[in-house]
């Protein structure tokens, strides 16, 4: 099955450091569980982010899908 790569960059740096609200914490937890589920199903090959919290930070996901649209 083909593999696809995508790179995520935060639109605001504060997204990486401010988890002060319950809503933000829940969104991060939901995202983590979604990626974990896809990993357990064998769809995600690798996912992670850089450890820095400045303008150069990013995350990546490598996943398996039949088409780019599915990815």
PDB file of N, CA and C in Angstrom:
ATOM      1  N   UNK A   1       0.839  -1.175   0.000  1.00  0.00           N
ATOM      2  CA  UNK A   1       0.000   0.000   0.000  1.00  0.00           C
ATOM      3  C   UNK A   1       0.893   1.250   0.000  1.00  0.00           C
ATOM      4  N   UNK A   2       0.520   2.251  -0.779  1.00  0.00           N
ATOM      5  CA  UNK A   2       1.321   3.485  -0.806  1.00  0.00           C
ATOM      6  C   UNK A   2       1.386   4.164   0.560  1.00  0.00           C
ATOM      7  N   UNK A   3       2.467   4.893   0.763  1.00  0.00           N
ATOM      8  CA  UNK A   3       2.628   5.662   1.994  1.00  0.00           C
ATOM      9  C   UNK A   3       2.646   7.145   1.653  1.00  0.00           C
ATOM     10  N   UNK A   4       2.088   7.939   2.558  1.00  0.00           N
ATOM     11  CA  UNK A   4       2.016   9.380   2.383  1.00  0.00           C
ATOM     12  C   UNK A   4       2.614  10.058   3.601  1.00  0.00           C
ATOM     13  N   UNK A   5       3.141  11.238   3.365  1.00  0.00           N
ATOM     14  CA  UNK A   5       3.804  12.023   4.401  1.00  0.00           C
ATOM     15  C   UNK A   5       3.107  13.374   4.491  1.00  0.00           C
ATOM     16  N   UNK A   6       2.822  13.809   5.717  1.00  0.00           N
ATOM     17  CA  UNK A   6       2.397  15.197   5.835  1.00  0.00           C
ATOM     18  C   UNK A   6       3.074  15.863   7.009  1.00  0.00           C
ATOM     19  N   UNK A   7       3.259  17.157   6.845  1.00  0.00           N
ATOM     20  CA  UNK A   7       3.960  17.974   7.832  1.00  0.00           C
ATOM     21  C   UNK A   7       2.973  18.986   8.394  1.00  0.00           C
ATOM     22  N   UNK A   8       2.978  19.122   9.712  1.00  0.00           N
ATOM     23  CA  UNK A   8       2.093  20.073  10.382  1.00  0.00           C
ATOM     24  C   UNK A   8       2.913  21.175  11.024  1.00  0.00           C
ATOM     25  N   UNK A   9       2.504  22.395  10.802  1.00  0.00           N
ATOM     26  CA  UNK A   9       3.141  23.541  11.456  1.00  0.00           C
ATOM     27  C   UNK A   9       2.048  24.309  12.189  1.00  0.00           C
ATOM     28  N   UNK A  10       2.277  24.635  13.446  1.00  0.00           N
ATOM     29  CA  UNK A  10       1.257  25.390  14.186  1.00  0.00           C
ATOM     30  C   UNK A  10       1.071  26.785  13.587  1.00  0.00           C
ATOM     31  N   UNK A  11      -0.168  27.246  13.581  1.00  0.00           N
ATOM     32  CA  UNK A  11      -0.432  28.588  13.067  1.00  0.00           C
ATOM     33  C   UNK A  11      -0.052  29.656  14.082  1.00  0.00           C
ATOM     34  N   UNK A  12      -0.045  29.267  15.351  1.00  0.00           N
ATOM     35  CA  UNK A  12       0.356  30.174  16.426  1.00  0.00           C
ATOM     36  C   UNK A  12       1.241  29.398  17.390  1.00  0.00           C
ATOM     37  N   UNK A  13       2.391  29.936  17.746  1.00  0.00           N
ATOM     38  CA  UNK A  13       3.311  29.245  18.653  1.00  0.00           C
ATOM     39  C   UNK A  13       2.695  28.978  20.010  1.00  0.00           C
ATOM     40  N   UNK A  14       1.789  29.828  20.444  1.00  0.00           N
ATOM     41  CA  UNK A  14       1.157  29.636  21.744  1.00  0.00           C
ATOM     42  C   UNK A  14       0.399  28.297  21.803  1.00  0.00           C
ATOM     43  N   UNK A  15       0.050  27.750  20.653  1.00  0.00           N
ATOM     44  CA  UNK A  15      -0.625  26.450  20.615  1.00  0.00           C
ATOM     45  C   UNK A  15       0.232  25.359  21.256  1.00  0.00           C
ATOM     46  N   UNK A  16       1.536  25.524  21.238  1.00  0.00           N
ATOM     47  CA  UNK A  16       2.447  24.517  21.780  1.00  0.00           C
ATOM     48  C   UNK A  16       2.660  24.649  23.279  1.00  0.00           C
ATOM     49  N   UNK A  17       2.433  25.817  23.808  1.00  0.00           N
ATOM     50  CA  UNK A  17       2.792  26.065  25.203  1.00  0.00           C
ATOM     51  C   UNK A  17       1.616  26.380  26.099  1.00  0.00           C
ATOM     52  N   UNK A  18       0.471  26.733  25.532  1.00  0.00           N
ATOM     53  CA  UNK A  18      -0.673  27.136  26.344  1.00  0.00           C
ATOM     54  C   UNK A  18      -1.738  26.052  26.348  1.00  0.00           C
ATOM     55  N   UNK A  19      -1.794  25.311  27.419  1.00  0.00           N
ATOM     56  CA  UNK A  19      -2.857  24.306  27.587  1.00  0.00           C
ATOM     57  C   UNK A  19      -3.684  24.681  28.807  1.00  0.00           C
ATOM     58  N   UNK A  20      -3.892  25.979  28.980  1.00  0.00           N
ATOM     59  CA  UNK A  20      -4.534  26.484  30.184  1.00  0.00           C
ATOM     60  C   UNK A  20      -6.020  26.192  30.246  1.00  0.00           C
ATOM     61  N   UNK A  21      -6.670  26.023  29.122  1.00  0.00           N
ATOM     62  CA  UNK A  21      -8.111  25.792  29.173  1.00  0.00           C
ATOM     63  C   UNK A  21      -8.426  24.304  29.047  1.00  0.00           C
ATOM     64  N   UNK A  22      -9.531  23.929  29.627  1.00  0.00           N
ATOM     65  CA  UNK A  22     -10.003  22.541  29.549  1.00  0.00           C
ATOM     66  C   UNK A  22     -10.276  22.161  28.095  1.00  0.00           C
ATOM     67  N   UNK A  23     -10.811  23.093  27.334  1.00  0.00           N
ATOM     68  CA  UNK A  23     -11.121  22.835  25.925  1.00  0.00           C
ATOM     69  C   UNK A  23      -9.858  22.502  25.135  1.00  0.00           C
ATOM     70  N   UNK A  24      -8.787  23.236  25.365  1.00  0.00           N
ATOM     71  CA  UNK A  24      -7.525  22.977  24.667  1.00  0.00           C
ATOM     72  C   UNK A  24      -6.957  21.624  25.073  1.00  0.00           C
ATOM     73  N   UNK A  25      -7.007  21.328  26.360  1.00  0.00           N
ATOM     74  CA  UNK A  25      -6.501  20.040  26.846  1.00  0.00           C
ATOM     75  C   UNK A  25      -7.283  18.884  26.240  1.00  0.00           C
ATOM     76  N   UNK A  26      -8.591  19.039  26.141  1.00  0.00           N
ATOM     77  CA  UNK A  26      -9.422  17.987  25.553  1.00  0.00           C
ATOM     78  C   UNK A  26      -9.127  17.813  24.067  1.00  0.00           C
ATOM     79  N   UNK A  27      -8.879  18.905  23.369  1.00  0.00           N
ATOM     80  CA  UNK A  27      -8.570  18.821  21.939  1.00  0.00           C
ATOM     81  C   UNK A  27      -7.258  18.077  21.716  1.00  0.00           C
ATOM     82  N   UNK A  28      -6.256  18.369  22.535  1.00  0.00           N
ATOM     83  CA  UNK A  28      -4.964  17.683  22.421  1.00  0.00           C
ATOM     84  C   UNK A  28      -5.133  16.200  22.726  1.00  0.00           C
ATOM     85  N   UNK A  29      -5.877  15.869  23.764  1.00  0.00           N
ATOM     86  CA  UNK A  29      -6.115  14.466  24.131  1.00  0.00           C
ATOM     87  C   UNK A  29      -6.860  13.736  23.013  1.00  0.00           C
ATOM     88  N   UNK A  30      -7.861  14.369  22.436  1.00  0.00           N
ATOM     89  CA  UNK A  30      -8.630  13.757  21.345  1.00  0.00           C
ATOM     90  C   UNK A  30      -7.726  13.485  20.137  1.00  0.00           C
ATOM     91  N   UNK A  31      -6.880  14.449  19.804  1.00  0.00           N
ATOM     92  CA  UNK A  31      -5.944  14.289  18.684  1.00  0.00           C
ATOM     93  C   UNK A  31      -4.982  13.130  18.949  1.00  0.00           C
ATOM     94  N   UNK A  32      -4.434  13.075  20.154  1.00  0.00           N
ATOM     95  CA  UNK A  32      -3.511  11.995  20.520  1.00  0.00           C
ATOM     96  C   UNK A  32      -4.196  10.633  20.392  1.00  0.00           C
ATOM     97  N   UNK A  33      -5.401  10.504  20.924  1.00  0.00           N
ATOM     98  CA  UNK A  33      -6.109   9.220  20.872  1.00  0.00           C
ATOM     99  C   UNK A  33      -6.452   8.826  19.433  1.00  0.00           C
ATOM    100  N   UNK A  34      -6.775   9.798  18.602  1.00  0.00           N
ATOM    101  CA  UNK A  34      -7.061   9.532  17.194  1.00  0.00           C
ATOM    102  C   UNK A  34      -5.826   8.963  16.497  1.00  0.00           C
ATOM    103  N   UNK A  35      -4.685   9.609  16.697  1.00  0.00           N
ATOM    104  CA  UNK A  35      -3.442   9.117  16.087  1.00  0.00           C
ATOM    105  C   UNK A  35      -3.045   7.754  16.654  1.00  0.00           C
ATOM    106  N   UNK A  36      -3.242   7.570  17.948  1.00  0.00           N
ATOM    107  CA  UNK A  36      -2.917   6.285  18.582  1.00  0.00           C
ATOM    108  C   UNK A  36      -3.766   5.167  17.981  1.00  0.00           C
ATOM    109  N   UNK A  37      -5.042   5.425  17.784  1.00  0.00           N
ATOM    110  CA  UNK A  37      -5.944   4.439  17.196  1.00  0.00           C
ATOM    111  C   UNK A  37      -5.502   4.072  15.779  1.00  0.00           C
ATOM    112  N   UNK A  38      -5.151   5.068  14.977  1.00  0.00           N
ATOM    113  CA  UNK A  38      -4.682   4.796  13.612  1.00  0.00           C
ATOM    114  C   UNK A  38      -3.362   4.029  13.616  1.00  0.00           C
ATOM    115  N   UNK A  39      -2.514   4.296  14.598  1.00  0.00           N
ATOM    116  CA  UNK A  39      -1.253   3.563  14.727  1.00  0.00           C
ATOM    117  C   UNK A  39      -1.524   2.106  15.062  1.00  0.00           C
ATOM    118  N   UNK A  40      -2.436   1.870  16.004  1.00  0.00           N
ATOM    119  CA  UNK A  40      -2.780   0.497  16.395  1.00  0.00           C
ATOM    120  C   UNK A  40      -3.399  -0.280  15.240  1.00  0.00           C
ATOM    121  N   UNK A  41      -4.098   0.400  14.349  1.00  0.00           N
ATOM    122  CA  UNK A  41      -4.697  -0.243  13.175  1.00  0.00           C
ATOM    123  C   UNK A  41      -3.688  -0.463  12.055  1.00  0.00           C
ATOM    124  N   UNK A  42      -2.470   0.052  12.222  1.00  0.00           N
ATOM    125  CA  UNK A  42      -1.440  -0.112  11.209  1.00  0.00           C
ATOM    126  C   UNK A  42      -1.509   0.902  10.082  1.00  0.00           C
ATOM    127  N   UNK A  43      -2.321   1.934  10.249  1.00  0.00           N
ATOM    128  CA  UNK A  43      -2.445   2.957   9.211  1.00  0.00           C
ATOM    129  C   UNK A  43      -1.303   3.960   9.313  1.00  0.00           C
ATOM    130  N   UNK A  44      -1.005   4.383  10.531  1.00  0.00           N
ATOM    131  CA  UNK A  44       0.108   5.308  10.736  1.00  0.00           C
ATOM    132  C   UNK A  44       1.384   4.502  10.918  1.00  0.00           C
ATOM    133  N   UNK A  45       2.377   4.823  10.129  1.00  0.00           N
ATOM    134  CA  UNK A  45       3.685   4.182  10.215  1.00  0.00           C
ATOM    135  C   UNK A  45       4.525   4.887  11.272  1.00  0.00           C
ATOM    136  N   UNK A  46       4.443   6.217  11.278  1.00  0.00           N
ATOM    137  CA  UNK A  46       5.232   7.010  12.216  1.00  0.00           C
ATOM    138  C   UNK A  46       4.572   8.368  12.379  1.00  0.00           C
ATOM    139  N   UNK A  47       4.604   8.902  13.602  1.00  0.00           N
ATOM    140  CA  UNK A  47       4.106  10.255  13.858  1.00  0.00           C
ATOM    141  C   UNK A  47       4.911  10.849  14.998  1.00  0.00           C
ATOM    142  N   UNK A  48       5.138  12.135  14.926  1.00  0.00           N
ATOM    143  CA  UNK A  48       5.854  12.796  16.007  1.00  0.00           C
ATOM    144  C   UNK A  48       6.082  14.255  15.698  1.00  0.00           C
ATOM    145  N   UNK A  49       6.688  14.936  16.649  1.00  0.00           N
ATOM    146  CA  UNK A  49       6.978  16.354  16.465  1.00  0.00           C
ATOM    147  C   UNK A  49       8.358  16.674  16.993  1.00  0.00           C
ATOM    148  N   UNK A  50       8.849  17.822  16.595  1.00  0.00           N
ATOM    149  CA  UNK A  50      10.129  18.278  17.114  1.00  0.00           C
ATOM    150  C   UNK A  50       9.952  18.662  18.581  1.00  0.00           C
ATOM    151  N   UNK A  51      11.041  18.732  19.294  1.00  0.00           N
ATOM    152  CA  UNK A  51      10.947  19.043  20.725  1.00  0.00           C
ATOM    153  C   UNK A  51      11.089  20.527  21.025  1.00  0.00           C
ATOM    154  N   UNK A  52      11.398  21.302  20.016  1.00  0.00           N
ATOM    155  CA  UNK A  52      11.536  22.741  20.238  1.00  0.00           C
ATOM    156  C   UNK A  52      10.174  23.434  20.170  1.00  0.00           C
ATOM    157  N   UNK A  53      10.038  24.548  20.865  1.00  0.00           N
ATOM    158  CA  UNK A  53       8.789  25.308  20.870  1.00  0.00           C
ATOM    159  C   UNK A  53       9.000  26.708  20.297  1.00  0.00           C
ATOM    160  N   UNK A  54       9.672  26.767  19.151  1.00  0.00           N
ATOM    161  CA  UNK A  54       9.873  28.055  18.495  1.00  0.00           C
ATOM    162  C   UNK A  54       9.321  27.981  17.075  1.00  0.00           C
ATOM    163  N   UNK A  55       9.585  29.001  16.275  1.00  0.00           N
ATOM    164  CA  UNK A  55       9.000  29.086  14.932  1.00  0.00           C
ATOM    165  C   UNK A  55       9.442  27.967  13.988  1.00  0.00           C
ATOM    166  N   UNK A  56      10.452  27.200  14.352  1.00  0.00           N
ATOM    167  CA  UNK A  56      10.914  26.115  13.483  1.00  0.00           C
ATOM    168  C   UNK A  56      10.265  24.770  13.810  1.00  0.00           C
ATOM    169  N   UNK A  57       9.427  24.712  14.808  1.00  0.00           N
ATOM    170  CA  UNK A  57       8.830  23.439  15.214  1.00  0.00           C
ATOM    171  C   UNK A  57       7.830  22.923  14.171  1.00  0.00           C
ATOM    172  N   UNK A  58       7.679  21.618  14.113  1.00  0.00           N
ATOM    173  CA  UNK A  58       6.701  20.995  13.224  1.00  0.00           C
ATOM    174  C   UNK A  58       6.444  19.565  13.675  1.00  0.00           C
ATOM    175  N   UNK A  59       5.389  18.986  13.156  1.00  0.00           N
ATOM    176  CA  UNK A  59       5.074  17.586  13.378  1.00  0.00           C
ATOM    177  C   UNK A  59       4.984  16.889  12.033  1.00  0.00           C
ATOM    178  N   UNK A  60       5.147  15.571  12.047  1.00  0.00           N
ATOM    179  CA  UNK A  60       5.015  14.797  10.812  1.00  0.00           C
ATOM    180  C   UNK A  60       4.179  13.552  11.071  1.00  0.00           C
ATOM    181  N   UNK A  61       3.571  13.074  10.011  1.00  0.00           N
ATOM    182  CA  UNK A  61       2.853  11.799  10.043  1.00  0.00           C
ATOM    183  C   UNK A  61       3.153  11.084   8.732  1.00  0.00           C
ATOM    184  N   UNK A  62       3.497   9.824   8.829  1.00  0.00           N
ATOM    185  CA  UNK A  62       3.632   8.952   7.660  1.00  0.00           C
ATOM    186  C   UNK A  62       2.539   7.903   7.802  1.00  0.00           C
ATOM    187  N   UNK A  63       1.695   7.800   6.782  1.00  0.00           N
ATOM    188  CA  UNK A  63       0.572   6.879   6.880  1.00  0.00           C
ATOM    189  C   UNK A  63       0.383   6.107   5.589  1.00  0.00           C
ATOM    190  N   UNK A  64      -0.293   4.988   5.709  1.00  0.00           N
ATOM    191  CA  UNK A  64      -0.617   4.141   4.562  1.00  0.00           C
ATOM    192  C   UNK A  64      -2.044   4.447   4.116  1.00  0.00           C
ATOM    193  N   UNK A  65      -2.230   4.563   2.808  1.00  0.00           N
ATOM    194  CA  UNK A  65      -3.559   4.784   2.236  1.00  0.00           C
ATOM    195  C   UNK A  65      -3.528   4.363   0.772  1.00  0.00           C
ATOM    196  N   UNK A  66      -4.680   4.007   0.262  1.00  0.00           N
ATOM    197  CA  UNK A  66      -4.768   3.598  -1.140  1.00  0.00           C
ATOM    198  C   UNK A  66      -4.543   4.775  -2.081  1.00  0.00           C
ATOM    199  N   UNK A  67      -5.063   5.954  -1.722  1.00  0.00           N
ATOM    200  CA  UNK A  67      -4.948   7.127  -2.585  1.00  0.00           C
ATOM    201  C   UNK A  67      -4.590   8.351  -1.748  1.00  0.00           C
ATOM    202  N   UNK A  68      -4.162   9.394  -2.429  1.00  0.00           N
ATOM    203  CA  UNK A  68      -3.868  10.649  -1.733  1.00  0.00           C
ATOM    204  C   UNK A  68      -5.132  11.208  -1.080  1.00  0.00           C
ATOM    205  N   UNK A  69      -6.265  11.050  -1.734  1.00  0.00           N
ATOM    206  CA  UNK A  69      -7.529  11.519  -1.151  1.00  0.00           C
ATOM    207  C   UNK A  69      -7.851  10.786   0.142  1.00  0.00           C
ATOM    208  N   UNK A  70      -7.582   9.490   0.180  1.00  0.00           N
ATOM    209  CA  UNK A  70      -7.815   8.713   1.403  1.00  0.00           C
ATOM    210  C   UNK A  70      -6.877   9.144   2.524  1.00  0.00           C
ATOM    211  N   UNK A  71      -5.666   9.495   2.143  1.00  0.00           N
ATOM    212  CA  UNK A  71      -4.679   9.902   3.141  1.00  0.00           C
ATOM    213  C   UNK A  71      -5.128  11.178   3.815  1.00  0.00           C
TER     214      UNK A  71
END
